[in-house]
PDB file of all heavy atoms in Angstrom:
ATOM      1  N   GLY A   1       0.815  -1.218  -0.009  1.00  0.00           N
ATOM      2  CA  GLY A   1       0.009   0.001  -0.025  1.00  0.00           C
ATOM      3  C   GLY A   1       0.788   1.255   0.005  1.00  0.00           C
ATOM      4  O   GLY A   1       2.034   1.298  -0.320  1.00  0.00           O
ATOM      5  N   ALA A   2       0.161   2.362   0.361  1.00  0.00           N
ATOM      6  CA  ALA A   2       0.756   3.683   0.316  1.00  0.00           C
ATOM      7  C   ALA A   2       1.562   3.956   1.616  1.00  0.00           C
ATOM      8  O   ALA A   2       1.131   4.645   2.515  1.00  0.00           O
ATOM      9  CB  ALA A   2      -0.288   4.745   0.152  1.00  0.00           C
ATOM     10  N   ILE A   3       2.756   3.352   1.692  1.00  0.00           N
ATOM     11  CA  ILE A   3       3.548   3.439   2.893  1.00  0.00           C
ATOM     12  C   ILE A   3       4.947   3.994   2.506  1.00  0.00           C
ATOM     13  O   ILE A   3       5.371   3.950   1.347  1.00  0.00           O
ATOM     14  CB  ILE A   3       3.729   2.096   3.577  1.00  0.00           C
ATOM     15  CG1 ILE A   3       4.350   1.056   2.622  1.00  0.00           C
ATOM     16  CG2 ILE A   3       2.366   1.600   4.112  1.00  0.00           C
ATOM     17  CD1 ILE A   3       4.649  -0.279   3.269  1.00  0.00           C
ATOM     18  N   PHE A   4       5.629   4.520   3.525  1.00  0.00           N
ATOM     19  CA  PHE A   4       7.046   4.898   3.337  1.00  0.00           C
ATOM     20  C   PHE A   4       7.904   3.666   3.536  1.00  0.00           C
ATOM     21  O   PHE A   4       8.128   3.211   4.673  1.00  0.00           O
ATOM     22  CB  PHE A   4       7.410   6.014   4.326  1.00  0.00           C
ATOM     23  CG  PHE A   4       8.842   6.442   4.216  1.00  0.00           C
ATOM     24  CD1 PHE A   4       9.249   7.157   3.134  1.00  0.00           C
ATOM     25  CD2 PHE A   4       9.773   6.130   5.203  1.00  0.00           C
ATOM     26  CE1 PHE A   4      10.579   7.586   2.998  1.00  0.00           C
ATOM     27  CE2 PHE A   4      11.092   6.525   5.091  1.00  0.00           C
ATOM     28  CZ  PHE A   4      11.516   7.218   4.022  1.00  0.00           C
ATOM     29  N   ALA A   5       8.381   3.105   2.450  1.00  0.00           N
ATOM     30  CA  ALA A   5       9.192   1.876   2.548  1.00  0.00           C
ATOM     31  C   ALA A   5       9.991   1.754   1.227  1.00  0.00           C
ATOM     32  O   ALA A   5       9.497   2.103   0.191  1.00  0.00           O
ATOM     33  CB  ALA A   5       8.286   0.674   2.749  1.00  0.00           C
ATOM     34  N   PHE A   6      11.185   1.244   1.392  1.00  0.00           N
ATOM     35  CA  PHE A   6      12.024   1.050   0.235  1.00  0.00           C
ATOM     36  C   PHE A   6      11.765  -0.352  -0.409  1.00  0.00           C
ATOM     37  O   PHE A   6      12.077  -0.616  -1.537  1.00  0.00           O
ATOM     38  CB  PHE A   6      13.482   1.170   0.631  1.00  0.00           C
ATOM     39  CG  PHE A   6      13.821   2.579   1.079  1.00  0.00           C
ATOM     40  CD1 PHE A   6      13.774   2.864   2.464  1.00  0.00           C
ATOM     41  CD2 PHE A   6      14.169   3.564   0.245  1.00  0.00           C
ATOM     42  CE1 PHE A   6      14.087   4.099   2.974  1.00  0.00           C
ATOM     43  CE2 PHE A   6      14.475   4.815   0.683  1.00  0.00           C
ATOM     44  CZ  PHE A   6      14.420   5.126   2.087  1.00  0.00           C
ATOM     45  N   THR A   7      11.231  -1.253   0.435  1.00  0.00           N
ATOM     46  CA  THR A   7      10.774  -2.564  -0.070  1.00  0.00           C
ATOM     47  C   THR A   7       9.367  -2.853   0.495  1.00  0.00           C
ATOM     48  O   THR A   7       9.097  -2.501   1.660  1.00  0.00           O
ATOM     49  CB  THR A   7      11.743  -3.668   0.386  1.00  0.00           C
ATOM     50  OG1 THR A   7      11.805  -3.725   1.824  1.00  0.00           O
ATOM     51  CG2 THR A   7      13.114  -3.425  -0.131  1.00  0.00           C
ATOM     52  N   GLY A   8       8.511  -3.400  -0.313  1.00  0.00           N
ATOM     53  CA  GLY A   8       7.225  -3.850   0.166  1.00  0.00           C
ATOM     54  C   GLY A   8       6.056  -2.853   0.020  1.00  0.00           C
ATOM     55  O   GLY A   8       4.940  -3.158   0.419  1.00  0.00           O
ATOM     56  N   ALA A   9       6.306  -1.671  -0.563  1.00  0.00           N
ATOM     57  CA  ALA A   9       5.222  -0.748  -0.826  1.00  0.00           C
ATOM     58  C   ALA A   9       4.475  -1.029  -2.133  1.00  0.00           C
ATOM     59  O   ALA A   9       4.957  -1.771  -2.978  1.00  0.00           O
ATOM     60  CB  ALA A   9       5.794   0.704  -0.884  1.00  0.00           C
ATOM     61  N   GLY A  10       3.312  -0.416  -2.269  1.00  0.00           N
ATOM     62  CA  GLY A  10       2.543  -0.559  -3.517  1.00  0.00           C
ATOM     63  C   GLY A  10       1.609  -1.753  -3.499  1.00  0.00           C
ATOM     64  O   GLY A  10       1.280  -2.305  -2.459  1.00  0.00           O
ATOM     65  N   PRO A  11       1.228  -2.228  -4.719  1.00  0.00           N
ATOM     66  CA  PRO A  11       0.275  -3.344  -4.824  1.00  0.00           C
ATOM     67  C   PRO A  11       1.022  -4.642  -4.566  1.00  0.00           C
ATOM     68  O   PRO A  11       2.089  -4.949  -5.170  1.00  0.00           O
ATOM     69  CB  PRO A  11      -0.229  -3.208  -6.262  1.00  0.00           C
ATOM     70  CG  PRO A  11       0.869  -2.543  -7.031  1.00  0.00           C
ATOM     71  CD  PRO A  11       1.538  -1.636  -6.056  1.00  0.00           C
ATOM     72  N   VAL A  12       0.462  -5.492  -3.698  1.00  0.00           N
ATOM     73  CA  VAL A  12       1.048  -6.781  -3.350  1.00  0.00           C
ATOM     74  C   VAL A  12      -0.063  -7.777  -3.206  1.00  0.00           C
ATOM     75  O   VAL A  12      -1.220  -7.483  -3.133  1.00  0.00           O
ATOM     76  CB  VAL A  12       1.898  -6.706  -2.062  1.00  0.00           C
ATOM     77  CG1 VAL A  12       3.059  -5.742  -2.135  1.00  0.00           C
ATOM     78  CG2 VAL A  12       1.017  -6.343  -0.864  1.00  0.00           C
ATOM     79  N   ASP A  13       0.360  -9.077  -3.180  1.00  0.00           N
ATOM     80  CA  ASP A  13      -0.577 -10.179  -2.964  1.00  0.00           C
ATOM     81  C   ASP A  13      -1.071 -10.074  -1.538  1.00  0.00           C
ATOM     82  O   ASP A  13      -0.320 -10.137  -0.567  1.00  0.00           O
ATOM     83  CB  ASP A  13       0.142 -11.473  -3.209  1.00  0.00           C
ATOM     84  CG  ASP A  13      -0.749 -12.706  -3.043  1.00  0.00           C
ATOM     85  OD1 ASP A  13      -1.920 -12.524  -2.645  1.00  0.00           O
ATOM     86  OD2 ASP A  13      -0.292 -13.830  -3.359  1.00  0.00           O
ATOM     87  N   ASN A  14      -2.420  -9.942  -1.350  1.00  0.00           N
ATOM     88  CA  ASN A  14      -3.011  -9.748  -0.005  1.00  0.00           C
ATOM     89  C   ASN A  14      -3.440 -11.030   0.692  1.00  0.00           C
ATOM     90  O   ASN A  14      -4.078 -10.996   1.707  1.00  0.00           O
ATOM     91  CB  ASN A  14      -4.198  -8.828  -0.116  1.00  0.00           C
ATOM     92  CG  ASN A  14      -3.903  -7.349  -0.079  1.00  0.00           C
ATOM     93  OD1 ASN A  14      -4.492  -6.559   0.631  1.00  0.00           O
ATOM     94  ND2 ASN A  14      -2.878  -6.957  -0.872  1.00  0.00           N
ATOM     95  N   ALA A  15      -3.006 -12.188   0.135  1.00  0.00           N
ATOM     96  CA  ALA A  15      -3.423 -13.451   0.681  1.00  0.00           C
ATOM     97  C   ALA A  15      -3.095 -13.564   2.188  1.00  0.00           C
ATOM     98  O   ALA A  15      -3.904 -14.050   2.971  1.00  0.00           O
ATOM     99  CB  ALA A  15      -2.834 -14.610  -0.100  1.00  0.00           C
ATOM    100  N   PRO A  16      -1.827 -13.213   2.627  1.00  0.00           N
ATOM    101  CA  PRO A  16      -1.565 -13.352   4.016  1.00  0.00           C
ATOM    102  C   PRO A  16      -2.502 -12.485   4.954  1.00  0.00           C
ATOM    103  O   PRO A  16      -2.795 -12.931   6.046  1.00  0.00           O
ATOM    104  CB  PRO A  16      -0.095 -12.817   4.138  1.00  0.00           C
ATOM    105  CG  PRO A  16       0.446 -13.023   2.764  1.00  0.00           C
ATOM    106  CD  PRO A  16      -0.698 -12.729   1.833  1.00  0.00           C
ATOM    107  N   LEU A  17      -2.921 -11.364   4.407  1.00  0.00           N
ATOM    108  CA  LEU A  17      -3.850 -10.509   5.176  1.00  0.00           C
ATOM    109  C   LEU A  17      -5.267 -11.131   5.195  1.00  0.00           C
ATOM    110  O   LEU A  17      -5.899 -11.166   6.247  1.00  0.00           O
ATOM    111  CB  LEU A  17      -3.846  -9.125   4.581  1.00  0.00           C
ATOM    112  CG  LEU A  17      -4.535  -7.995   5.395  1.00  0.00           C
ATOM    113  CD1 LEU A  17      -3.860  -7.784   6.716  1.00  0.00           C
ATOM    114  CD2 LEU A  17      -4.539  -6.710   4.546  1.00  0.00           C
ATOM    115  N   GLU A  18      -5.701 -11.572   4.061  1.00  0.00           N
ATOM    116  CA  GLU A  18      -7.083 -12.028   3.889  1.00  0.00           C
ATOM    117  C   GLU A  18      -7.293 -13.361   4.650  1.00  0.00           C
ATOM    118  O   GLU A  18      -8.462 -13.698   4.888  1.00  0.00           O
ATOM    119  CB  GLU A  18      -7.408 -12.190   2.424  1.00  0.00           C
ATOM    120  CG  GLU A  18      -7.436 -10.860   1.665  1.00  0.00           C
ATOM    121  CD  GLU A  18      -7.530 -11.000   0.190  1.00  0.00           C
ATOM    122  OE1 GLU A  18      -7.529 -12.141  -0.310  1.00  0.00           O
ATOM    123  OE2 GLU A  18      -7.537  -9.939  -0.501  1.00  0.00           O
ATOM    124  N   SER A  19      -6.263 -14.078   5.002  1.00  0.00           N
ATOM    125  CA  SER A  19      -6.389 -15.337   5.664  1.00  0.00           C
ATOM    126  C   SER A  19      -6.518 -15.182   7.175  1.00  0.00           C
ATOM    127  O   SER A  19      -6.787 -16.148   7.934  1.00  0.00           O
ATOM    128  CB  SER A  19      -5.209 -16.241   5.376  1.00  0.00           C
ATOM    129  OG  SER A  19      -3.993 -15.716   5.927  1.00  0.00           O
ATOM    130  N   ARG A  20      -6.356 -13.945   7.724  1.00  0.00           N
ATOM    131  CA  ARG A  20      -6.444 -13.752   9.103  1.00  0.00           C
ATOM    132  C   ARG A  20      -7.864 -13.722   9.615  1.00  0.00           C
ATOM    133  O   ARG A  20      -8.760 -13.254   8.929  1.00  0.00           O
ATOM    134  CB  ARG A  20      -5.764 -12.448   9.529  1.00  0.00           C
ATOM    135  CG  ARG A  20      -4.247 -12.447   9.387  1.00  0.00           C
ATOM    136  CD  ARG A  20      -3.655 -11.111   9.786  1.00  0.00           C
ATOM    137  NE  ARG A  20      -3.976 -10.731  11.168  1.00  0.00           N
ATOM    138  CZ  ARG A  20      -3.212 -10.887  12.229  1.00  0.00           C
ATOM    139  NH1 ARG A  20      -1.977 -11.457  12.068  1.00  0.00           N
ATOM    140  NH2 ARG A  20      -3.567 -10.470  13.420  1.00  0.00           N
ATOM    141  N   PRO A  21      -8.133 -14.160  10.856  1.00  0.00           N
ATOM    142  CA  PRO A  21      -9.510 -14.178  11.342  1.00  0.00           C
ATOM    143  C   PRO A  21      -9.976 -12.771  11.720  1.00  0.00           C
ATOM    144  O   PRO A  21     -11.191 -12.576  11.949  1.00  0.00           O
ATOM    145  CB  PRO A  21      -9.378 -15.058  12.628  1.00  0.00           C
ATOM    146  CG  PRO A  21      -7.965 -14.955  13.046  1.00  0.00           C
ATOM    147  CD  PRO A  21      -7.177 -14.860  11.751  1.00  0.00           C
ATOM    148  N   ASP A  22      -9.092 -11.802  11.832  1.00  0.00           N
ATOM    149  CA  ASP A  22      -9.520 -10.421  12.138  1.00  0.00           C
ATOM    150  C   ASP A  22      -9.646  -9.562  10.918  1.00  0.00           C
ATOM    151  O   ASP A  22      -9.625  -8.296  11.035  1.00  0.00           O
ATOM    152  CB  ASP A  22      -8.569  -9.759  13.161  1.00  0.00           C
ATOM    153  CG  ASP A  22      -7.076  -9.788  12.714  1.00  0.00           C
ATOM    154  OD1 ASP A  22      -6.818 -10.286  11.607  1.00  0.00           O
ATOM    155  OD2 ASP A  22      -6.255  -9.312  13.483  1.00  0.00           O
ATOM    156  N   VAL A  23      -9.797 -10.144   9.718  1.00  0.00           N
ATOM    157  CA  VAL A  23      -9.990  -9.439   8.477  1.00  0.00           C
ATOM    158  C   VAL A  23     -11.234  -9.995   7.745  1.00  0.00           C
ATOM    159  O   VAL A  23     -11.318 -11.234   7.587  1.00  0.00           O
ATOM    160  CB  VAL A  23      -8.751  -9.532   7.580  1.00  0.00           C
ATOM    161  CG1 VAL A  23      -9.047  -8.843   6.234  1.00  0.00           C
ATOM    162  CG2 VAL A  23      -7.563  -8.901   8.236  1.00  0.00           C
ATOM    163  N   LEU A  24     -12.141  -9.144   7.392  1.00  0.00           N
ATOM    164  CA  LEU A  24     -13.331  -9.558   6.606  1.00  0.00           C
ATOM    165  C   LEU A  24     -13.094  -9.258   5.152  1.00  0.00           C
ATOM    166  O   LEU A  24     -12.510  -8.241   4.819  1.00  0.00           O
ATOM    167  CB  LEU A  24     -14.591  -8.803   7.113  1.00  0.00           C
ATOM    168  CG  LEU A  24     -14.945  -8.933   8.579  1.00  0.00           C
ATOM    169  CD1 LEU A  24     -16.194  -8.132   8.880  1.00  0.00           C
ATOM    170  CD2 LEU A  24     -15.153 -10.423   8.955  1.00  0.00           C
ATOM    171  N   ALA A  25     -13.596 -10.146   4.285  1.00  0.00           N
ATOM    172  CA  ALA A  25     -13.402  -9.961   2.837  1.00  0.00           C
ATOM    173  C   ALA A  25     -14.710 -10.249   2.161  1.00  0.00           C
ATOM    174  O   ALA A  25     -15.366 -11.250   2.395  1.00  0.00           O
ATOM    175  CB  ALA A  25     -12.331 -10.883   2.299  1.00  0.00           C
ATOM    176  N   TYR A  26     -15.095  -9.294   1.269  1.00  0.00           N
ATOM    177  CA  TYR A  26     -16.353  -9.413   0.496  1.00  0.00           C
ATOM    178  C   TYR A  26     -15.981  -9.301  -0.982  1.00  0.00           C
ATOM    179  O   TYR A  26     -15.357  -8.323  -1.388  1.00  0.00           O
ATOM    180  CB  TYR A  26     -17.366  -8.347   0.921  1.00  0.00           C
ATOM    181  CG  TYR A  26     -17.659  -8.394   2.391  1.00  0.00           C
ATOM    182  CD1 TYR A  26     -16.999  -7.545   3.313  1.00  0.00           C
ATOM    183  CD2 TYR A  26     -18.663  -9.243   2.868  1.00  0.00           C
ATOM    184  CE1 TYR A  26     -17.297  -7.626   4.641  1.00  0.00           C
ATOM    185  CE2 TYR A  26     -18.917  -9.296   4.244  1.00  0.00           C
ATOM    186  CZ  TYR A  26     -18.236  -8.491   5.113  1.00  0.00           C
ATOM    187  OH  TYR A  26     -18.515  -8.529   6.451  1.00  0.00           O
ATOM    188  N   THR A  27     -16.336 -10.268  -1.776  1.00  0.00           N
ATOM    189  CA  THR A  27     -15.911 -10.388  -3.159  1.00  0.00           C
ATOM    190  C   THR A  27     -17.041 -10.363  -4.098  1.00  0.00           C
ATOM    191  O   THR A  27     -18.095 -11.022  -3.865  1.00  0.00           O
ATOM    192  CB  THR A  27     -15.064 -11.663  -3.302  1.00  0.00           C
ATOM    193  OG1 THR A  27     -14.056 -11.711  -2.315  1.00  0.00           O
ATOM    194  CG2 THR A  27     -14.415 -11.732  -4.729  1.00  0.00           C
ATOM    195  N   SER A  28     -16.867  -9.651  -5.221  1.00  0.00           N
ATOM    196  CA  SER A  28     -17.926  -9.616  -6.246  1.00  0.00           C
ATOM    197  C   SER A  28     -17.888 -10.814  -7.181  1.00  0.00           C
ATOM    198  O   SER A  28     -16.901 -11.605  -7.170  1.00  0.00           O
ATOM    199  CB  SER A  28     -17.741  -8.320  -7.110  1.00  0.00           C
ATOM    200  OG  SER A  28     -16.633  -8.496  -8.004  1.00  0.00           O
ATOM    201  N   GLN A  29     -18.864 -10.958  -8.015  1.00  0.00           N
ATOM    202  CA  GLN A  29     -18.835 -11.867  -9.114  1.00  0.00           C
ATOM    203  C   GLN A  29     -17.860 -11.385 -10.142  1.00  0.00           C
ATOM    204  O   GLN A  29     -17.422 -10.214 -10.071  1.00  0.00           O
ATOM    205  CB  GLN A  29     -20.254 -12.029  -9.732  1.00  0.00           C
ATOM    206  CG  GLN A  29     -21.298 -12.612  -8.806  1.00  0.00           C
ATOM    207  CD  GLN A  29     -20.951 -14.080  -8.454  1.00  0.00           C
ATOM    208  OE1 GLN A  29     -20.606 -14.838  -9.350  1.00  0.00           O
ATOM    209  NE2 GLN A  29     -21.127 -14.429  -7.191  1.00  0.00           N
ATOM    210  N   VAL A  30     -17.511 -12.225 -11.067  1.00  0.00           N
ATOM    211  CA  VAL A  30     -16.562 -11.855 -12.174  1.00  0.00           C
ATOM    212  C   VAL A  30     -17.174 -10.712 -12.992  1.00  0.00           C
ATOM    213  O   VAL A  30     -18.397 -10.727 -13.333  1.00  0.00           O
ATOM    214  CB  VAL A  30     -16.221 -13.040 -13.059  1.00  0.00           C
ATOM    215  CG1 VAL A  30     -15.517 -12.604 -14.317  1.00  0.00           C
ATOM    216  CG2 VAL A  30     -15.446 -14.073 -12.316  1.00  0.00           C
ATOM    217  N   LEU A  31     -16.409  -9.687 -13.225  1.00  0.00           N
ATOM    218  CA  LEU A  31     -16.894  -8.530 -14.025  1.00  0.00           C
ATOM    219  C   LEU A  31     -17.067  -8.945 -15.502  1.00  0.00           C
ATOM    220  O   LEU A  31     -16.151  -9.638 -16.062  1.00  0.00           O
ATOM    221  CB  LEU A  31     -15.915  -7.331 -13.951  1.00  0.00           C
ATOM    222  CG  LEU A  31     -15.747  -6.726 -12.545  1.00  0.00           C
ATOM    223  CD1 LEU A  31     -14.633  -5.664 -12.628  1.00  0.00           C
ATOM    224  CD2 LEU A  31     -17.032  -6.100 -12.041  1.00  0.00           C
TER     225      LEU A  31
END
């Protein structure tokens, strides 16, 4: 995401975040 970092900023695979029990995810049908 939009962070001050020399490595790891910007768009990344969010799988590690979405697998946590304290994160909710709502997904659309295919566009």
